[in-house]
Amino acid sequence: MIYWLTGQPSHGKTILAKLLVKHYEKSNIKLFHIDGDDLRKLTINQNYSEEGRIQNVRTAQKISDYLHNQNFDVVVSLVSPYRWLREEFKEKLGENIKEFYIHTTEPRERDHFKVKDYEPPLDNFISIDTTEDNPEESLIKILSKIT
């Protein structure tokens, strides 16, 4: 299974992905985590234009698809701003992917990194509002949707 966490910077994607990985490690289930910031360092892609963002999402999709085909479960925490790109990937994977839209209405410390052309999902996603919840409460909501 691929768990794709999308949303604006600082809305909780990476924290929740790490908590999800840690939760499953207790059950001896290993999830491979692909994080947007780490991926950019690995691929030396510091291009934050539309083209650079598409390249970063495509790279994450290729890696997660490869790992899934090798029978790994994968958690992706990535802004992935373009709905069409996420929808294309969900269509390809069908029941093997769950998209989580991680969002908040409160200002966060990295709001200056906000992606102006971010497109929230419209169909076939799970909404996780982190405004009122601490990370552990949001994790419980995620777990309730995947178990």
C-alpha atoms as a PDB file:
ATOM      1  CA  MET A   1       0.000   0.000   0.000  1.00  0.00           C
ATOM      2  CA  ILE A   2       1.093   3.561  -0.661  1.00  0.00           C
ATOM      3  CA  TYR A   3      -0.039   6.267   1.742  1.00  0.00           C
ATOM      4  CA  TRP A   4       0.309   9.654   0.034  1.00  0.00           C
ATOM      5  CA  LEU A   5       0.210  12.659   2.397  1.00  0.00           C
ATOM      6  CA  THR A   6      -0.307  15.920   0.524  1.00  0.00           C
ATOM      7  CA  GLY A   7      -0.853  19.485   1.691  1.00  0.00           C
ATOM      8  CA  GLN A   8       0.837  22.815   2.216  1.00  0.00           C
ATOM      9  CA  PRO A   9       4.212  23.097   3.995  1.00  0.00           C
ATOM     10  CA  SER A  10       4.036  22.896   7.814  1.00  0.00           C
ATOM     11  CA  HIS A  11       0.573  21.417   7.941  1.00  0.00           C
ATOM     12  CA  GLY A  12       1.905  18.169   9.462  1.00  0.00           C
ATOM     13  CA  LYS A  13       2.713  15.792   6.605  1.00  0.00           C
ATOM     14  CA  THR A  14       6.238  14.831   7.639  1.00  0.00           C
ATOM     15  CA  ILE A  15       5.455  14.598  11.353  1.00  0.00           C
ATOM     16  CA  LEU A  16       2.461  12.352  10.656  1.00  0.00           C
ATOM     17  CA  ALA A  17       4.411  10.218   8.189  1.00  0.00           C
ATOM     18  CA  LYS A  18       7.157   9.660  10.773  1.00  0.00           C
ATOM     19  CA  LEU A  19       4.586   8.786  13.450  1.00  0.00           C
ATOM     20  CA  LEU A  20       2.923   6.343  11.054  1.00  0.00           C
ATOM     21  CA  VAL A  21       6.259   4.656  10.322  1.00  0.00           C
ATOM     22  CA  LYS A  22       7.047   4.461  14.045  1.00  0.00           C
ATOM     23  CA  HIS A  23       3.591   3.032  14.799  1.00  0.00           C
ATOM     24  CA  TYR A  24       4.014   0.216  12.298  1.00  0.00           C
ATOM     25  CA  GLU A  25       7.591  -0.539  13.372  1.00  0.00           C
ATOM     26  CA  LYS A  26       6.152  -1.634  16.736  1.00  0.00           C
ATOM     27  CA  SER A  27       4.250  -4.296  14.794  1.00  0.00           C
ATOM     28  CA  ASN A  28       7.384  -5.310  12.867  1.00  0.00           C
ATOM     29  CA  ILE A  29       5.824  -3.869   9.723  1.00  0.00           C
ATOM     30  CA  LYS A  30       8.308  -1.684   7.884  1.00  0.00           C
ATOM     31  CA  LEU A  31       7.089   1.283   5.946  1.00  0.00           C
ATOM     32  CA  PHE A  32       9.450   3.089   3.626  1.00  0.00           C
ATOM     33  CA  HIS A  33       9.146   6.873   4.029  1.00  0.00           C
ATOM     34  CA  ILE A  34       9.713   9.250   1.126  1.00  0.00           C
ATOM     35  CA  ASP A  35       9.805  12.890   2.256  1.00  0.00           C
ATOM     36  CA  GLY A  36       9.822  15.845  -0.118  1.00  0.00           C
ATOM     37  CA  ASP A  37      12.716  17.679   1.552  1.00  0.00           C
ATOM     38  CA  ASP A  38      14.850  14.531   1.698  1.00  0.00           C
ATOM     39  CA  LEU A  39      14.005  13.672  -1.901  1.00  0.00           C
ATOM     40  CA  ARG A  40      15.129  17.106  -3.088  1.00  0.00           C
ATOM     41  CA  LYS A  41      18.453  16.673  -1.280  1.00  0.00           C
ATOM     42  CA  LEU A  42      18.933  13.211  -2.763  1.00  0.00           C
ATOM     43  CA  THR A  43      18.131  14.238  -6.332  1.00  0.00           C
ATOM     44  CA  ILE A  44      19.714  17.698  -6.041  1.00  0.00           C
ATOM     45  CA  ASN A  45      16.471  19.239  -7.316  1.00  0.00           C
ATOM     46  CA  GLN A  46      16.196  22.732  -5.853  1.00  0.00           C
ATOM     47  CA  ASN A  47      13.905  23.903  -8.635  1.00  0.00           C
ATOM     48  CA  TYR A  48      10.640  25.089  -7.055  1.00  0.00           C
ATOM     49  CA  SER A  49       9.059  26.164 -10.336  1.00  0.00           C
ATOM     50  CA  GLU A  50       6.102  24.203 -11.705  1.00  0.00           C
ATOM     51  CA  GLU A  51       8.516  22.106 -13.783  1.00  0.00           C
ATOM     52  CA  GLY A  52      10.729  21.376 -10.768  1.00  0.00           C
ATOM     53  CA  ARG A  53       7.747  20.455  -8.595  1.00  0.00           C
ATOM     54  CA  ILE A  54       6.385  18.115 -11.262  1.00  0.00           C
ATOM     55  CA  GLN A  55       9.810  16.471 -11.549  1.00  0.00           C
ATOM     56  CA  ASN A  56       9.960  16.003  -7.758  1.00  0.00           C
ATOM     57  CA  VAL A  57       6.475  14.448  -7.615  1.00  0.00           C
ATOM     58  CA  ARG A  58       7.218  12.170 -10.578  1.00  0.00           C
ATOM     59  CA  THR A  59      10.414  10.994  -8.873  1.00  0.00           C
ATOM     60  CA  ALA A  60       8.499  10.205  -5.669  1.00  0.00           C
ATOM     61  CA  GLN A  61       5.867   8.375  -7.701  1.00  0.00           C
ATOM     62  CA  LYS A  62       8.467   6.268  -9.511  1.00  0.00           C
ATOM     63  CA  ILE A  63      10.250   5.341  -6.283  1.00  0.00           C
ATOM     64  CA  SER A  64       7.045   4.550  -4.409  1.00  0.00           C
ATOM     65  CA  ASP A  65       5.685   2.508  -7.325  1.00  0.00           C
ATOM     66  CA  TYR A  66       8.961   0.563  -7.547  1.00  0.00           C
ATOM     67  CA  LEU A  67       8.985  -0.131  -3.797  1.00  0.00           C
ATOM     68  CA  HIS A  68       5.318  -1.123  -3.859  1.00  0.00           C
ATOM     69  CA  ASN A  69       6.063  -3.571  -6.676  1.00  0.00           C
ATOM     70  CA  GLN A  70       8.784  -5.028  -4.413  1.00  0.00           C
ATOM     71  CA  ASN A  71       6.097  -5.622  -1.736  1.00  0.00           C
ATOM     72  CA  PHE A  72       6.984  -2.663   0.466  1.00  0.00           C
ATOM     73  CA  ASP A  73       4.439  -0.347   2.006  1.00  0.00           C
ATOM     74  CA  VAL A  74       5.338   3.274   1.395  1.00  0.00           C
ATOM     75  CA  VAL A  75       4.470   6.573   3.074  1.00  0.00           C
ATOM     76  CA  VAL A  76       5.016   9.688   0.974  1.00  0.00           C
ATOM     77  CA  SER A  77       4.963  13.137   2.611  1.00  0.00           C
ATOM     78  CA  LEU A  78       5.158  15.648  -0.184  1.00  0.00           C
ATOM     79  CA  VAL A  79       3.373  18.918  -0.984  1.00  0.00           C
ATOM     80  CA  SER A  80       2.597  17.516  -4.470  1.00  0.00           C
ATOM     81  CA  PRO A  81       0.615  20.609  -5.451  1.00  0.00           C
ATOM     82  CA  TYR A  82      -0.916  19.522  -8.750  1.00  0.00           C
ATOM     83  CA  ARG A  83      -4.158  17.590  -8.486  1.00  0.00           C
ATOM     84  CA  TRP A  84      -3.921  16.172 -12.019  1.00  0.00           C
ATOM     85  CA  LEU A  85      -0.572  14.580 -11.178  1.00  0.00           C
ATOM     86  CA  ARG A  86      -1.891  12.967  -7.994  1.00  0.00           C
ATOM     87  CA  GLU A  87      -5.088  11.820  -9.741  1.00  0.00           C
ATOM     88  CA  GLU A  88      -3.091  10.276 -12.588  1.00  0.00           C
ATOM     89  CA  PHE A  89      -1.061   8.258 -10.061  1.00  0.00           C
ATOM     90  CA  LYS A  90      -4.140   7.217  -8.066  1.00  0.00           C
ATOM     91  CA  GLU A  91      -5.800   6.036 -11.273  1.00  0.00           C
ATOM     92  CA  LYS A  92      -2.748   3.947 -12.136  1.00  0.00           C
ATOM     93  CA  LEU A  93      -2.539   2.320  -8.674  1.00  0.00           C
ATOM     94  CA  GLY A  94      -6.245   1.959  -7.938  1.00  0.00           C
ATOM     95  CA  GLU A  95      -6.851   0.351  -4.537  1.00  0.00           C
ATOM     96  CA  ASN A  96      -3.109   0.307  -3.759  1.00  0.00           C
ATOM     97  CA  ILE A  97      -2.940   3.979  -2.784  1.00  0.00           C
ATOM     98  CA  LYS A  98      -4.654   6.173  -0.225  1.00  0.00           C
ATOM     99  CA  GLU A  99      -4.375   9.941  -0.481  1.00  0.00           C
ATOM    100  CA  PHE A 100      -4.491  11.962   2.742  1.00  0.00           C
ATOM    101  CA  TYR A 101      -5.050  15.700   2.521  1.00  0.00           C
ATOM    102  CA  ILE A 102      -3.269  17.174   5.550  1.00  0.00           C
ATOM    103  CA  HIS A 103      -4.431  20.734   6.197  1.00  0.00           C
ATOM    104  CA  THR A 104      -4.986  23.425   8.805  1.00  0.00           C
ATOM    105  CA  THR A 105      -6.652  26.811   9.054  1.00  0.00           C
ATOM    106  CA  GLU A 106      -4.123  28.241  11.496  1.00  0.00           C
ATOM    107  CA  PRO A 107      -0.885  30.024  10.531  1.00  0.00           C
ATOM    108  CA  ARG A 108       2.223  27.867  10.795  1.00  0.00           C
ATOM    109  CA  GLU A 109       5.922  28.671  11.049  1.00  0.00           C
ATOM    110  CA  ARG A 110       6.739  27.908   7.419  1.00  0.00           C
ATOM    111  CA  ASP A 111       3.799  29.702   5.807  1.00  0.00           C
ATOM    112  CA  HIS A 112       6.266  31.744   3.748  1.00  0.00           C
ATOM    113  CA  PHE A 113       6.866  28.490   1.797  1.00  0.00           C
ATOM    114  CA  LYS A 114       3.166  28.185   0.967  1.00  0.00           C
ATOM    115  CA  VAL A 115       2.616  26.973  -2.585  1.00  0.00           C
ATOM    116  CA  LYS A 116       0.376  29.531  -4.299  1.00  0.00           C
ATOM    117  CA  ASP A 117      -0.880  27.123  -6.963  1.00  0.00           C
ATOM    118  CA  TYR A 118      -1.586  24.182  -4.617  1.00  0.00           C
ATOM    119  CA  GLU A 119      -4.736  22.301  -5.647  1.00  0.00           C
ATOM    120  CA  PRO A 120      -6.494  20.425  -2.835  1.00  0.00           C
ATOM    121  CA  PRO A 121      -7.919  17.029  -3.734  1.00  0.00           C
ATOM    122  CA  LEU A 122     -11.562  16.786  -4.768  1.00  0.00           C
ATOM    123  CA  ASP A 123     -12.221  13.052  -5.037  1.00  0.00           C
ATOM    124  CA  ASN A 124     -11.116   9.818  -3.424  1.00  0.00           C
ATOM    125  CA  PHE A 125      -9.100  11.244  -0.513  1.00  0.00           C
ATOM    126  CA  ILE A 126      -9.142  11.344   3.283  1.00  0.00           C
ATOM    127  CA  SER A 127      -9.176  14.768   4.946  1.00  0.00           C
ATOM    128  CA  ILE A 128      -7.054  15.231   8.069  1.00  0.00           C
ATOM    129  CA  ASP A 129      -7.492  18.680   9.624  1.00  0.00           C
ATOM    130  CA  THR A 130      -4.574  19.325  11.986  1.00  0.00           C
ATOM    131  CA  THR A 131      -5.904  22.680  13.237  1.00  0.00           C
ATOM    132  CA  GLU A 132      -7.224  21.477  16.606  1.00  0.00           C
ATOM    133  CA  ASP A 133      -5.433  18.137  16.966  1.00  0.00           C
ATOM    134  CA  ASN A 134      -1.969  17.342  18.219  1.00  0.00           C
ATOM    135  CA  PRO A 135       0.053  14.966  16.009  1.00  0.00           C
ATOM    136  CA  GLU A 136      -0.945  11.855  17.985  1.00  0.00           C
ATOM    137  CA  GLU A 137      -4.650  12.695  17.606  1.00  0.00           C
ATOM    138  CA  SER A 138      -4.195  13.181  13.867  1.00  0.00           C
ATOM    139  CA  LEU A 139      -2.335   9.852  13.674  1.00  0.00           C
ATOM    140  CA  ILE A 140      -5.297   8.121  15.324  1.00  0.00           C
ATOM    141  CA  LYS A 141      -7.549   9.580  12.621  1.00  0.00           C
ATOM    142  CA  ILE A 142      -5.210   8.274   9.915  1.00  0.00           C
ATOM    143  CA  LEU A 143      -5.015   4.830  11.491  1.00  0.00           C
ATOM    144  CA  SER A 144      -8.810   4.657  11.715  1.00  0.00           C
ATOM    145  CA  LYS A 145      -8.957   5.087   7.947  1.00  0.00           C
ATOM    146  CA  ILE A 146      -6.338   2.500   7.013  1.00  0.00           C
ATOM    147  CA  THR A 147      -7.001  -0.404   9.376  1.00  0.00           C
END
